[in-house]
Every structure is written in C-alpha cells, then in structure tokens.
Amino acid sequence: MRACRQPRARGRARRTSRSAPRGLHRLAPVGRSIAQVAGSHLTPVVMELGGKNTTIVLHGTDPDRAADLIAVSAFANSGQVCMSTDQVLVAEPRYEDVVERLVARAEALKASDPRTPGTAIGSLINQRSADHFHELLSDARAHGARVLTGGSEPEGLLACPTVLGNVGRAARFHREEAFSPLVSVQPCATERELVELAHGTPYGLIASVLADDTSRALRVAQRLRVAAVHINEPSVGDEPRVPFGGGALSGFGHLGGSETWHFFTEQKTFYVMAGSEGLACSVVPSLTTSPTPSRRPAAVPCPRDGPRSRR
C-alpha cells in the first residue's frame, strides 16, 4: 500500500451577499452563510471569525511590563486585529498599578494621520467601524462604565485610545468584537474569577497571560477555552509554522504549519498486489515544518502469506 497527499479539488461555492449582516461584530452569521453555501457543494472550509480576547495579569507581575504589553495588544493597528485584546483582567493586588501605567501609555499615543510625524494611532477602516466604536462606548457608559482615558467621539475615522473601567456585564462591549482602540480593565479577587470572566464571551480565539511565574501562567492558560494562549507577550502575534484557528464564534478549523498541508490536500491510498517478486510498500509522510530534514520511512517488504497486504 502507498499513501500520498494530492491537491484538494475546488468546489463551486458561489458568492452571496443577500443575507450577509453588516458590522464587524457580526462575522459569525456571515460565517454561517458561507458554510451553508460551501456545504451545499461539499466544499470544506476553515473559518476564523474574529475574537473577543482577554489579557490576564496575575499577582506578582511587573506593572510596567504589563502596561507595555497590554498597550501593544489593545492599540496596535488601532485595535484592528483579530487577536487584539478587548478586556484586561487583573489580580486585585496589581490592579491600581497596572491601570495607572496603562492610562499613561494610552495618553502618550497620538492619534493622527499616519503621514504625520509622531503618529502612533491611525484611522479606523471605515465610517461603519467608527460608528461601532462610538456605539460600544455609549452603551458601556449606559451600563456604568467609567472612562479612565480617551472616550471622545471619533473625529472622522480617528479614534483615540480609550480605557474603560467597571463595564457592566450586560453591556454590548462584552459580546461584540471592538475592532478599535477600545479596552476595558477589571480587577478580580481570585484566579477562579479571572478564568470565569475570561469565559464571559461567546468567542474563543486567543488570550494572553502575564505572570512572574511561568508555571503558574501555564496552569491558568490550560483552563482557558481558546485556541491559543500567549505567555508573557502580547496577544497580537502568531507564527506561520504552528496551527492557528478558533473555537465557538471565532470559527472552526486551523491553518498554519502542517494543518495547512492537511487541509489543502487529500490523502490518496494505493493498494498493490504482492507478487512472488516481493514488492516493497511505503507511505509518503506528511509535510513537516521541522527545521531538520524530513526522513522518509524506509520501504517495508510486503509479506507473502496472503494475496493482499496493508501497510
């Protein structure tokens, strides 16, 4: 027997926009529409539909380093990254220190035309995104949120970095991807509360855990229902050599590394009748992303005690 992988045949999936909802926070319904069309043609799909990502700051974390990493996670590319941090959960002993430093970092970021020297925050992608920023901010205020910095209405497509505190759990902010320079900060009394609040969103894409003890950070990370967790680094970032995807409303399936190879190819198996000359059987290995050369399995002699063999 010989098995190999060949390119996956393309389906005849058509484009449709009739039922596609508007708004960056409604990617899941769009994903369902695409999956239905693809399914009608038996065309496999992988979906990454955005995230509502959390950065957790454990007790003992250096507040200056935490503020630096959170600022990158929340405000890089004006928060318009699927991996951007929307909410920060901080162990109570570190809350005030982290908030003070994060507010200072946010206020130091200049929102302006990217061609202007010193600009750190550029424009949002379109007016709909700017309107969504304003709607989430207004709704959060209505649910008791305190604006710690920023909070002004966008000037055209420019939104200044905004940090919120005490956002009520019923606010839209906790259910919708912000996709803008908008982040909330909340204290938590216990490790259990940190994890429970991190799960208070329908998404499951990515998270970040900051701690002075890596083993403790890993213990918390293992409890998070997300596809990937960064330890002591920003939530924004991935590697093409490893799988990337999401769960729940963040989608399904993975791409990256060997997952890309497996998704875009199909395995094909060859059955060879073993004759008196003793044919050799082998299996073609899957693509490897290891920096070391891939090793093809040695040919295995087919047994002759039957008319057909599998290997």
C-alpha atoms as a PDB file:
ATOM      1  CA  MET A   1       0.000   0.000   0.000  1.00  0.00           C
ATOM      2  CA  ARG A   2       1.173   3.505  -0.729  1.00  0.00           C
ATOM      3  CA  ALA A   3      -0.468   6.668   0.624  1.00  0.00           C
ATOM      4  CA  CYS A   4       0.195  10.197  -0.553  1.00  0.00           C
ATOM      5  CA  ARG A   5      -1.471  13.586  -0.496  1.00  0.00           C
ATOM      6  CA  GLN A   6      -2.765  15.375  -3.558  1.00  0.00           C
ATOM      7  CA  PRO A   7      -4.250  18.867  -4.007  1.00  0.00           C
ATOM      8  CA  ARG A   8      -7.851  19.164  -2.846  1.00  0.00           C
ATOM      9  CA  ALA A   9     -10.336  19.725  -5.637  1.00  0.00           C
ATOM     10  CA  ARG A  10     -12.029  23.089  -5.592  1.00  0.00           C
ATOM     11  CA  GLY A  11     -15.756  23.264  -5.066  1.00  0.00           C
ATOM     12  CA  ARG A  12     -18.158  25.531  -6.929  1.00  0.00           C
ATOM     13  CA  ALA A  13     -19.017  27.692  -3.954  1.00  0.00           C
ATOM     14  CA  ARG A  14     -20.669  30.870  -5.158  1.00  0.00           C
ATOM     15  CA  ARG A  15     -20.577  34.347  -3.733  1.00  0.00           C
ATOM     16  CA  THR A  16     -23.568  35.653  -1.856  1.00  0.00           C
ATOM     17  CA  SER A  17     -24.232  38.929  -0.080  1.00  0.00           C
ATOM     18  CA  ARG A  18     -28.015  38.838   0.221  1.00  0.00           C
ATOM     19  CA  SER A  19     -28.053  37.668   3.846  1.00  0.00           C
ATOM     20  CA  ALA A  20     -24.675  38.976   4.978  1.00  0.00           C
ATOM     21  CA  PRO A  21     -25.265  41.218   8.035  1.00  0.00           C
ATOM     22  CA  ARG A  22     -23.470  44.498   8.427  1.00  0.00           C
ATOM     23  CA  GLY A  23     -20.952  45.235  11.113  1.00  0.00           C
ATOM     24  CA  LEU A  24     -17.614  43.745  12.090  1.00  0.00           C
ATOM     25  CA  HIS A  25     -19.222  42.257  15.208  1.00  0.00           C
ATOM     26  CA  ARG A  26     -21.497  40.037  13.109  1.00  0.00           C
ATOM     27  CA  LEU A  27     -18.928  37.796  11.465  1.00  0.00           C
ATOM     28  CA  ALA A  28     -20.495  34.626  12.880  1.00  0.00           C
ATOM     29  CA  PRO A  29     -23.755  34.993  10.863  1.00  0.00           C
ATOM     30  CA  VAL A  30     -21.647  35.722   7.769  1.00  0.00           C
ATOM     31  CA  GLY A  31     -19.601  32.609   8.522  1.00  0.00           C
ATOM     32  CA  ARG A  32     -22.779  30.526   8.794  1.00  0.00           C
ATOM     33  CA  SER A  33     -23.932  31.810   5.405  1.00  0.00           C
ATOM     34  CA  ILE A  34     -20.607  30.905   3.812  1.00  0.00           C
ATOM     35  CA  ALA A  35     -20.615  27.471   5.476  1.00  0.00           C
ATOM     36  CA  GLN A  36     -24.123  26.789   4.136  1.00  0.00           C
ATOM     37  CA  VAL A  37     -23.106  27.668   0.592  1.00  0.00           C
ATOM     38  CA  ALA A  38     -19.902  25.634   0.849  1.00  0.00           C
ATOM     39  CA  GLY A  39     -21.776  22.720   2.404  1.00  0.00           C
ATOM     40  CA  SER A  40     -24.242  22.614  -0.473  1.00  0.00           C
ATOM     41  CA  HIS A  41     -21.251  21.845  -2.723  1.00  0.00           C
ATOM     42  CA  LEU A  42     -19.496  19.602  -0.161  1.00  0.00           C
ATOM     43  CA  THR A  43     -16.608  22.088  -0.132  1.00  0.00           C
ATOM     44  CA  PRO A  44     -14.554  22.025   3.088  1.00  0.00           C
ATOM     45  CA  VAL A  45     -13.948  25.382   4.732  1.00  0.00           C
ATOM     46  CA  VAL A  46     -11.845  26.805   7.559  1.00  0.00           C
ATOM     47  CA  MET A  47     -13.244  29.856   9.338  1.00  0.00           C
ATOM     48  CA  GLU A  48     -11.542  32.415  11.542  1.00  0.00           C
ATOM     49  CA  LEU A  49     -14.289  34.837  12.536  1.00  0.00           C
ATOM     50  CA  GLY A  50     -12.590  37.231  14.929  1.00  0.00           C
ATOM     51  CA  GLY A  51     -12.270  37.248  18.684  1.00  0.00           C
ATOM     52  CA  LYS A  52     -13.094  38.924  21.979  1.00  0.00           C
ATOM     53  CA  ASN A  53      -9.695  38.425  23.514  1.00  0.00           C
ATOM     54  CA  THR A  54      -8.568  38.708  27.112  1.00  0.00           C
ATOM     55  CA  THR A  55      -5.245  39.525  28.735  1.00  0.00           C
ATOM     56  CA  ILE A  56      -4.945  38.196  32.298  1.00  0.00           C
ATOM     57  CA  VAL A  57      -2.492  39.816  34.706  1.00  0.00           C
ATOM     58  CA  LEU A  58      -1.632  37.576  37.661  1.00  0.00           C
ATOM     59  CA  HIS A  59      -0.406  38.686  41.073  1.00  0.00           C
ATOM     60  CA  GLY A  60       3.323  39.430  41.119  1.00  0.00           C
ATOM     61  CA  THR A  61       3.520  40.652  37.525  1.00  0.00           C
ATOM     62  CA  ASP A  62       5.672  43.729  36.967  1.00  0.00           C
ATOM     63  CA  PRO A  63       3.091  46.510  36.309  1.00  0.00           C
ATOM     64  CA  ASP A  64       5.340  48.457  33.933  1.00  0.00           C
ATOM     65  CA  ARG A  65       5.937  45.457  31.700  1.00  0.00           C
ATOM     66  CA  ALA A  66       2.259  44.504  31.916  1.00  0.00           C
ATOM     67  CA  ALA A  67       1.202  48.001  30.786  1.00  0.00           C
ATOM     68  CA  ASP A  68       3.636  47.892  27.864  1.00  0.00           C
ATOM     69  CA  LEU A  69       2.349  44.507  26.655  1.00  0.00           C
ATOM     70  CA  ILE A  70      -1.308  45.473  27.086  1.00  0.00           C
ATOM     71  CA  ALA A  71      -0.820  48.707  25.137  1.00  0.00           C
ATOM     72  CA  VAL A  72       0.575  46.727  22.208  1.00  0.00           C
ATOM     73  CA  SER A  73      -2.183  44.123  22.490  1.00  0.00           C
ATOM     74  CA  ALA A  74      -5.015  46.666  22.591  1.00  0.00           C
ATOM     75  CA  PHE A  75      -3.832  49.541  20.409  1.00  0.00           C
ATOM     76  CA  ALA A  76      -1.560  48.107  17.697  1.00  0.00           C
ATOM     77  CA  ASN A  77      -3.038  48.874  14.271  1.00  0.00           C
ATOM     78  CA  SER A  78      -5.721  50.923  16.081  1.00  0.00           C
ATOM     79  CA  GLY A  79      -7.032  47.714  17.653  1.00  0.00           C
ATOM     80  CA  GLN A  80      -7.990  46.380  14.235  1.00  0.00           C
ATOM     81  CA  VAL A  81      -6.514  42.907  14.588  1.00  0.00           C
ATOM     82  CA  CYS A  82      -8.482  39.723  15.215  1.00  0.00           C
ATOM     83  CA  MET A  83      -6.045  38.966  18.063  1.00  0.00           C
ATOM     84  CA  SER A  84      -6.343  42.392  19.732  1.00  0.00           C
ATOM     85  CA  THR A  85      -7.060  42.459  23.468  1.00  0.00           C
ATOM     86  CA  ASP A  86     -10.507  43.854  24.298  1.00  0.00           C
ATOM     87  CA  GLN A  87     -10.607  43.170  28.019  1.00  0.00           C
ATOM     88  CA  VAL A  88      -7.903  43.045  30.692  1.00  0.00           C
ATOM     89  CA  LEU A  89      -8.486  41.123  33.921  1.00  0.00           C
ATOM     90  CA  VAL A  90      -6.074  41.984  36.725  1.00  0.00           C
ATOM     91  CA  ALA A  91      -5.465  40.334  40.071  1.00  0.00           C
ATOM     92  CA  GLU A  92      -6.610  42.879  42.679  1.00  0.00           C
ATOM     93  CA  PRO A  93      -3.193  43.493  44.320  1.00  0.00           C
ATOM     94  CA  ARG A  94      -1.867  44.721  40.961  1.00  0.00           C
ATOM     95  CA  TYR A  95      -4.973  46.492  39.635  1.00  0.00           C
ATOM     96  CA  GLU A  96      -4.294  50.115  40.576  1.00  0.00           C
ATOM     97  CA  ASP A  97      -0.643  49.940  39.495  1.00  0.00           C
ATOM     98  CA  VAL A  98      -1.487  48.402  36.127  1.00  0.00           C
ATOM     99  CA  VAL A  99      -4.348  50.824  35.434  1.00  0.00           C
ATOM    100  CA  GLU A 100      -2.231  53.877  36.275  1.00  0.00           C
ATOM    101  CA  ARG A 101       0.520  52.801  33.898  1.00  0.00           C
ATOM    102  CA  LEU A 102      -1.813  51.662  31.115  1.00  0.00           C
ATOM    103  CA  VAL A 103      -3.639  55.011  31.166  1.00  0.00           C
ATOM    104  CA  ALA A 104      -0.297  56.788  30.898  1.00  0.00           C
ATOM    105  CA  ARG A 105       0.695  54.619  27.911  1.00  0.00           C
ATOM    106  CA  ALA A 106      -2.636  55.271  26.183  1.00  0.00           C
ATOM    107  CA  GLU A 107      -2.434  59.039  26.670  1.00  0.00           C
ATOM    108  CA  ALA A 108       1.048  59.078  25.174  1.00  0.00           C
ATOM    109  CA  LEU A 109      -0.224  57.572  21.895  1.00  0.00           C
ATOM    110  CA  LYS A 110      -1.008  60.248  19.312  1.00  0.00           C
ATOM    111  CA  ALA A 111      -3.987  59.581  17.013  1.00  0.00           C
ATOM    112  CA  SER A 112      -3.500  61.338  13.697  1.00  0.00           C
ATOM    113  CA  ASP A 113      -2.784  60.934  10.009  1.00  0.00           C
ATOM    114  CA  PRO A 114      -0.118  58.197   9.712  1.00  0.00           C
ATOM    115  CA  ARG A 115       1.906  60.545   7.490  1.00  0.00           C
ATOM    116  CA  THR A 116       2.227  62.985  10.379  1.00  0.00           C
ATOM    117  CA  PRO A 117       5.457  62.552  12.393  1.00  0.00           C
ATOM    118  CA  GLY A 118       4.878  61.082  15.833  1.00  0.00           C
ATOM    119  CA  THR A 119       1.588  59.414  14.946  1.00  0.00           C
ATOM    120  CA  ALA A 120       1.026  56.118  16.780  1.00  0.00           C
ATOM    121  CA  ILE A 121      -2.693  55.519  16.143  1.00  0.00           C
ATOM    122  CA  GLY A 122      -4.022  55.716  12.608  1.00  0.00           C
ATOM    123  CA  SER A 123      -7.560  55.782  11.297  1.00  0.00           C
ATOM    124  CA  LEU A 124     -10.241  53.133  11.510  1.00  0.00           C
ATOM    125  CA  ILE A 125     -11.016  51.236   8.344  1.00  0.00           C
ATOM    126  CA  ASN A 126     -14.318  52.960   7.503  1.00  0.00           C
ATOM    127  CA  GLN A 127     -17.181  55.029   8.897  1.00  0.00           C
ATOM    128  CA  ARG A 128     -19.118  51.943   9.952  1.00  0.00           C
ATOM    129  CA  SER A 129     -16.212  50.942  12.177  1.00  0.00           C
ATOM    130  CA  ALA A 130     -16.049  54.437  13.670  1.00  0.00           C
ATOM    131  CA  ASP A 131     -19.800  54.327  14.353  1.00  0.00           C
ATOM    132  CA  HIS A 132     -19.412  50.935  16.029  1.00  0.00           C
ATOM    133  CA  PHE A 133     -16.683  52.330  18.297  1.00  0.00           C
ATOM    134  CA  HIS A 134     -18.994  55.152  19.356  1.00  0.00           C
ATOM    135  CA  GLU A 135     -21.959  52.802  19.884  1.00  0.00           C
ATOM    136  CA  LEU A 136     -19.987  50.419  22.096  1.00  0.00           C
ATOM    137  CA  LEU A 137     -18.619  53.322  24.114  1.00  0.00           C
ATOM    138  CA  SER A 138     -22.063  54.903  24.614  1.00  0.00           C
ATOM    139  CA  ASP A 139     -23.615  51.578  25.575  1.00  0.00           C
ATOM    140  CA  ALA A 140     -20.804  50.836  28.038  1.00  0.00           C
ATOM    141  CA  ARG A 141     -21.363  54.205  29.713  1.00  0.00           C
ATOM    142  CA  ALA A 142     -25.059  53.413  29.979  1.00  0.00           C
ATOM    143  CA  HIS A 143     -24.092  50.224  31.818  1.00  0.00           C
ATOM    144  CA  GLY A 144     -21.960  52.015  34.392  1.00  0.00           C
ATOM    145  CA  ALA A 145     -18.560  52.124  32.718  1.00  0.00           C
ATOM    146  CA  ARG A 146     -16.027  54.748  33.831  1.00  0.00           C
ATOM    147  CA  VAL A 147     -13.876  56.278  31.111  1.00  0.00           C
ATOM    148  CA  LEU A 148     -10.339  56.208  32.507  1.00  0.00           C
ATOM    149  CA  THR A 149      -8.862  57.935  29.469  1.00  0.00           C
ATOM    150  CA  GLY A 150      -9.982  58.804  25.948  1.00  0.00           C
ATOM    151  CA  GLY A 151     -13.661  58.359  25.287  1.00  0.00           C
ATOM    152  CA  SER A 152     -14.159  61.234  22.883  1.00  0.00           C
ATOM    153  CA  GLU A 153     -16.289  60.793  19.788  1.00  0.00           C
ATOM    154  CA  PRO A 154     -14.201  59.851  16.733  1.00  0.00           C
ATOM    155  CA  GLU A 155     -13.054  62.745  14.565  1.00  0.00           C
ATOM    156  CA  GLY A 156     -13.863  61.343  11.184  1.00  0.00           C
ATOM    157  CA  LEU A 157     -12.168  57.962  11.233  1.00  0.00           C
ATOM    158  CA  LEU A 158      -9.756  58.809  14.041  1.00  0.00           C
ATOM    159  CA  ALA A 159     -10.494  57.305  17.472  1.00  0.00           C
ATOM    160  CA  CYS A 160      -8.185  57.986  20.391  1.00  0.00           C
ATOM    161  CA  PRO A 161      -7.049  55.085  22.629  1.00  0.00           C
ATOM    162  CA  THR A 162      -9.741  54.553  25.240  1.00  0.00           C
ATOM    163  CA  VAL A 163      -9.563  52.636  28.523  1.00  0.00           C
ATOM    164  CA  LEU A 164     -12.767  51.742  30.381  1.00  0.00           C
ATOM    165  CA  GLY A 165     -13.327  50.526  33.931  1.00  0.00           C
ATOM    166  CA  ASN A 166     -16.306  48.838  35.603  1.00  0.00           C
ATOM    167  CA  VAL A 167     -18.105  47.908  32.404  1.00  0.00           C
ATOM    168  CA  GLY A 168     -21.365  46.161  33.331  1.00  0.00           C
ATOM    169  CA  ARG A 169     -21.553  42.548  32.173  1.00  0.00           C
ATOM    170  CA  ALA A 170     -24.793  43.272  30.281  1.00  0.00           C
ATOM    171  CA  ALA A 171     -23.052  45.797  28.007  1.00  0.00           C
ATOM    172  CA  ARG A 172     -22.661  45.041  24.313  1.00  0.00           C
ATOM    173  CA  PHE A 173     -18.940  45.513  24.791  1.00  0.00           C
ATOM    174  CA  HIS A 174     -18.669  42.037  26.361  1.00  0.00           C
ATOM    175  CA  ARG A 175     -20.390  40.320  23.427  1.00  0.00           C
ATOM    176  CA  GLU A 176     -19.081  42.171  20.383  1.00  0.00           C
ATOM    177  CA  GLU A 177     -15.599  42.463  18.939  1.00  0.00           C
ATOM    178  CA  ALA A 178     -14.497  46.085  19.372  1.00  0.00           C
ATOM    179  CA  PHE A 179     -12.019  46.128  16.455  1.00  0.00           C
ATOM    180  CA  SER A 180     -10.926  49.599  17.525  1.00  0.00           C
ATOM    181  CA  PRO A 181      -8.638  51.157  20.195  1.00  0.00           C
ATOM    182  CA  LEU A 182     -11.086  50.348  22.998  1.00  0.00           C
ATOM    183  CA  VAL A 183     -10.197  48.197  26.012  1.00  0.00           C
ATOM    184  CA  SER A 184     -11.680  47.527  29.443  1.00  0.00           C
ATOM    185  CA  VAL A 185      -9.850  46.798  32.701  1.00  0.00           C
ATOM    186  CA  GLN A 186     -11.366  44.943  35.636  1.00  0.00           C
ATOM    187  CA  PRO A 187      -9.989  43.685  38.974  1.00  0.00           C
ATOM    188  CA  CYS A 188     -10.516  40.084  40.090  1.00  0.00           C
ATOM    189  CA  ALA A 189     -10.167  38.704  43.600  1.00  0.00           C
ATOM    190  CA  THR A 190      -9.267  35.110  42.740  1.00  0.00           C
ATOM    191  CA  GLU A 191      -7.714  33.054  39.991  1.00  0.00           C
ATOM    192  CA  ARG A 192     -11.051  31.330  39.514  1.00  0.00           C
ATOM    193  CA  GLU A 193     -12.776  34.659  38.905  1.00  0.00           C
ATOM    194  CA  LEU A 194     -10.126  35.580  36.334  1.00  0.00           C
ATOM    195  CA  VAL A 195     -10.878  32.433  34.359  1.00  0.00           C
ATOM    196  CA  GLU A 196     -14.662  32.712  34.700  1.00  0.00           C
ATOM    197  CA  LEU A 197     -14.737  36.299  33.420  1.00  0.00           C
ATOM    198  CA  ALA A 198     -12.414  35.373  30.565  1.00  0.00           C
ATOM    199  CA  HIS A 199     -15.084  32.853  29.559  1.00  0.00           C
ATOM    200  CA  GLY A 200     -17.823  35.503  29.625  1.00  0.00           C
ATOM    201  CA  THR A 201     -17.686  35.944  25.860  1.00  0.00           C
ATOM    202  CA  PRO A 202     -19.013  33.805  23.001  1.00  0.00           C
ATOM    203  CA  TYR A 203     -15.632  33.859  21.242  1.00  0.00           C
ATOM    204  CA  GLY A 204     -12.672  31.530  21.642  1.00  0.00           C
ATOM    205  CA  LEU A 205      -9.733  32.746  19.584  1.00  0.00           C
ATOM    206  CA  ILE A 206      -6.748  33.813  21.667  1.00  0.00           C
ATOM    207  CA  ALA A 207      -5.648  35.086  25.085  1.00  0.00           C
ATOM    208  CA  SER A 208      -2.568  36.305  26.907  1.00  0.00           C
ATOM    209  CA  VAL A 209      -1.468  35.512  30.459  1.00  0.00           C
ATOM    210  CA  LEU A 210       1.133  37.700  32.207  1.00  0.00           C
ATOM    211  CA  ALA A 211       2.898  36.447  35.329  1.00  0.00           C
ATOM    212  CA  ASP A 212       6.238  36.369  37.103  1.00  0.00           C
ATOM    213  CA  ASP A 213       5.872  32.585  37.434  1.00  0.00           C
ATOM    214  CA  THR A 214       5.685  30.827  34.063  1.00  0.00           C
ATOM    215  CA  SER A 215       4.436  27.546  35.523  1.00  0.00           C
ATOM    216  CA  ARG A 216       1.532  29.353  37.171  1.00  0.00           C
ATOM    217  CA  ALA A 217       0.763  31.192  33.928  1.00  0.00           C
ATOM    218  CA  LEU A 218       0.677  27.870  32.076  1.00  0.00           C
ATOM    219  CA  ARG A 219      -1.683  26.423  34.671  1.00  0.00           C
ATOM    220  CA  VAL A 220      -4.118  29.287  34.097  1.00  0.00           C
ATOM    221  CA  ALA A 221      -3.654  29.109  30.324  1.00  0.00           C
ATOM    222  CA  GLN A 222      -4.630  25.428  30.277  1.00  0.00           C
ATOM    223  CA  ARG A 223      -8.004  26.349  31.791  1.00  0.00           C
ATOM    224  CA  LEU A 224      -8.876  28.914  29.119  1.00  0.00           C
ATOM    225  CA  ARG A 225     -11.249  27.817  26.343  1.00  0.00           C
ATOM    226  CA  VAL A 226      -9.360  29.447  23.498  1.00  0.00           C
ATOM    227  CA  ALA A 227      -7.336  28.100  20.583  1.00  0.00           C
ATOM    228  CA  ALA A 228      -4.045  29.762  21.565  1.00  0.00           C
ATOM    229  CA  VAL A 229      -2.528  31.490  24.589  1.00  0.00           C
ATOM    230  CA  HIS A 230       0.464  33.830  24.724  1.00  0.00           C
ATOM    231  CA  ILE A 231       2.514  33.682  27.910  1.00  0.00           C
ATOM    232  CA  ASN A 232       4.222  36.944  28.920  1.00  0.00           C
ATOM    233  CA  GLU A 233       3.837  38.513  25.493  1.00  0.00           C
ATOM    234  CA  PRO A 234       1.150  40.488  23.619  1.00  0.00           C
ATOM    235  CA  SER A 235      -1.971  38.730  22.411  1.00  0.00           C
ATOM    236  CA  VAL A 236      -1.260  40.076  18.921  1.00  0.00           C
ATOM    237  CA  GLY A 237       1.060  37.688  17.153  1.00  0.00           C
ATOM    238  CA  ASP A 238       1.211  34.258  15.541  1.00  0.00           C
ATOM    239  CA  GLU A 239       3.708  32.006  13.770  1.00  0.00           C
ATOM    240  CA  PRO A 240       3.159  30.526  10.287  1.00  0.00           C
ATOM    241  CA  ARG A 241       4.816  27.289  11.431  1.00  0.00           C
ATOM    242  CA  VAL A 242       2.146  26.418  14.004  1.00  0.00           C
ATOM    243  CA  PRO A 243      -1.653  25.949  13.769  1.00  0.00           C
ATOM    244  CA  PHE A 244      -3.903  28.981  14.119  1.00  0.00           C
ATOM    245  CA  GLY A 245      -7.674  28.969  14.389  1.00  0.00           C
ATOM    246  CA  GLY A 246     -10.517  29.448  16.792  1.00  0.00           C
ATOM    247  CA  GLY A 247     -13.487  27.904  18.531  1.00  0.00           C
ATOM    248  CA  ALA A 248     -17.069  28.892  19.368  1.00  0.00           C
ATOM    249  CA  LEU A 249     -17.984  32.101  17.475  1.00  0.00           C
ATOM    250  CA  SER A 250     -14.329  32.527  16.482  1.00  0.00           C
ATOM    251  CA  GLY A 251     -14.765  29.800  13.881  1.00  0.00           C
ATOM    252  CA  PHE A 252     -13.519  26.265  13.360  1.00  0.00           C
ATOM    253  CA  GLY A 253     -10.558  24.503  11.793  1.00  0.00           C
ATOM    254  CA  HIS A 254      -6.919  25.540  11.730  1.00  0.00           C
ATOM    255  CA  LEU A 255      -4.347  26.724   9.223  1.00  0.00           C
ATOM    256  CA  GLY A 256      -0.610  27.127   9.629  1.00  0.00           C
ATOM    257  CA  GLY A 257       2.208  24.605   9.641  1.00  0.00           C
ATOM    258  CA  SER A 258       1.173  21.039   8.886  1.00  0.00           C
ATOM    259  CA  GLU A 259      -2.516  21.959   9.292  1.00  0.00           C
ATOM    260  CA  THR A 260      -2.332  23.963   6.057  1.00  0.00           C
ATOM    261  CA  TRP A 261      -0.812  20.964   4.256  1.00  0.00           C
ATOM    262  CA  HIS A 262      -3.528  18.634   5.519  1.00  0.00           C
ATOM    263  CA  PHE A 263      -6.430  20.979   4.744  1.00  0.00           C
ATOM    264  CA  PHE A 264      -5.464  21.847   1.184  1.00  0.00           C
ATOM    265  CA  THR A 265      -4.609  18.284   0.178  1.00  0.00           C
ATOM    266  CA  GLU A 266      -6.390  14.944   0.234  1.00  0.00           C
ATOM    267  CA  GLN A 267      -4.826  11.633   1.101  1.00  0.00           C
ATOM    268  CA  LYS A 268      -4.762   9.063  -1.664  1.00  0.00           C
ATOM    269  CA  THR A 269      -4.009   5.420  -0.948  1.00  0.00           C
ATOM    270  CA  PHE A 270      -2.622   2.840  -3.414  1.00  0.00           C
ATOM    271  CA  TYR A 271      -3.183  -0.883  -2.852  1.00  0.00           C
ATOM    272  CA  VAL A 272      -0.591  -3.023  -4.621  1.00  0.00           C
ATOM    273  CA  MET A 273      -0.945  -6.800  -5.115  1.00  0.00           C
ATOM    274  CA  ALA A 274       2.079  -8.545  -3.601  1.00  0.00           C
ATOM    275  CA  GLY A 275       3.649 -10.826  -6.172  1.00  0.00           C
ATOM    276  CA  SER A 276       6.320 -13.508  -5.923  1.00  0.00           C
ATOM    277  CA  GLU A 277       8.997 -10.864  -6.553  1.00  0.00           C
ATOM    278  CA  GLY A 278       8.164  -9.284  -3.169  1.00  0.00           C
ATOM    279  CA  LEU A 279       7.098  -5.699  -3.882  1.00  0.00           C
ATOM    280  CA  ALA A 280       8.112  -3.038  -1.387  1.00  0.00           C
ATOM    281  CA  CYS A 281       5.455  -0.959   0.383  1.00  0.00           C
ATOM    282  CA  SER A 282       5.908   2.578   1.698  1.00  0.00           C
ATOM    283  CA  VAL A 283       3.895   5.539   2.968  1.00  0.00           C
ATOM    284  CA  VAL A 284       4.574   9.103   1.858  1.00  0.00           C
ATOM    285  CA  PRO A 285       4.982  11.209   5.033  1.00  0.00           C
ATOM    286  CA  SER A 286       3.030  14.377   5.699  1.00  0.00           C
ATOM    287  CA  LEU A 287       4.722  17.736   5.292  1.00  0.00           C
ATOM    288  CA  THR A 288       6.976  18.561   8.215  1.00  0.00           C
ATOM    289  CA  THR A 289       7.679  22.068   9.476  1.00  0.00           C
ATOM    290  CA  SER A 290      10.710  20.982  11.458  1.00  0.00           C
ATOM    291  CA  PRO A 291      13.973  22.750  10.539  1.00  0.00           C
ATOM    292  CA  THR A 292      15.614  19.319  10.324  1.00  0.00           C
ATOM    293  CA  PRO A 293      15.326  17.428   7.020  1.00  0.00           C
ATOM    294  CA  SER A 294      12.262  15.194   6.832  1.00  0.00           C
ATOM    295  CA  ARG A 295      13.007  11.485   6.870  1.00  0.00           C
ATOM    296  CA  ARG A 296      11.051   9.239   4.530  1.00  0.00           C
ATOM    297  CA  PRO A 297      10.118   5.907   6.142  1.00  0.00           C
ATOM    298  CA  ALA A 298      12.185   3.045   4.858  1.00  0.00           C
ATOM    299  CA  ALA A 299      10.482   0.678   2.413  1.00  0.00           C
ATOM    300  CA  VAL A 300       8.953  -2.289   4.209  1.00  0.00           C
ATOM    301  CA  PRO A 301       8.853  -5.677   2.420  1.00  0.00           C
ATOM    302  CA  CYS A 302       5.295  -6.841   1.858  1.00  0.00           C
ATOM    303  CA  PRO A 303       4.527 -10.207   3.471  1.00  0.00           C
ATOM    304  CA  ARG A 304       3.786 -13.061   1.076  1.00  0.00           C
ATOM    305  CA  ASP A 305       1.418 -15.061   3.236  1.00  0.00           C
ATOM    306  CA  GLY A 306      -1.683 -13.569   1.652  1.00  0.00           C
ATOM    307  CA  PRO A 307      -2.973 -12.274  -1.654  1.00  0.00           C
ATOM    308  CA  ARG A 308      -3.091  -8.692  -0.363  1.00  0.00           C
ATOM    309  CA  SER A 309      -1.354  -6.729   2.366  1.00  0.00           C
ATOM    310  CA  ARG A 310      -1.813  -3.354   4.027  1.00  0.00           C
ATOM    311  CA  ARG A 311       0.966  -1.255   5.465  1.00  0.00           C
END
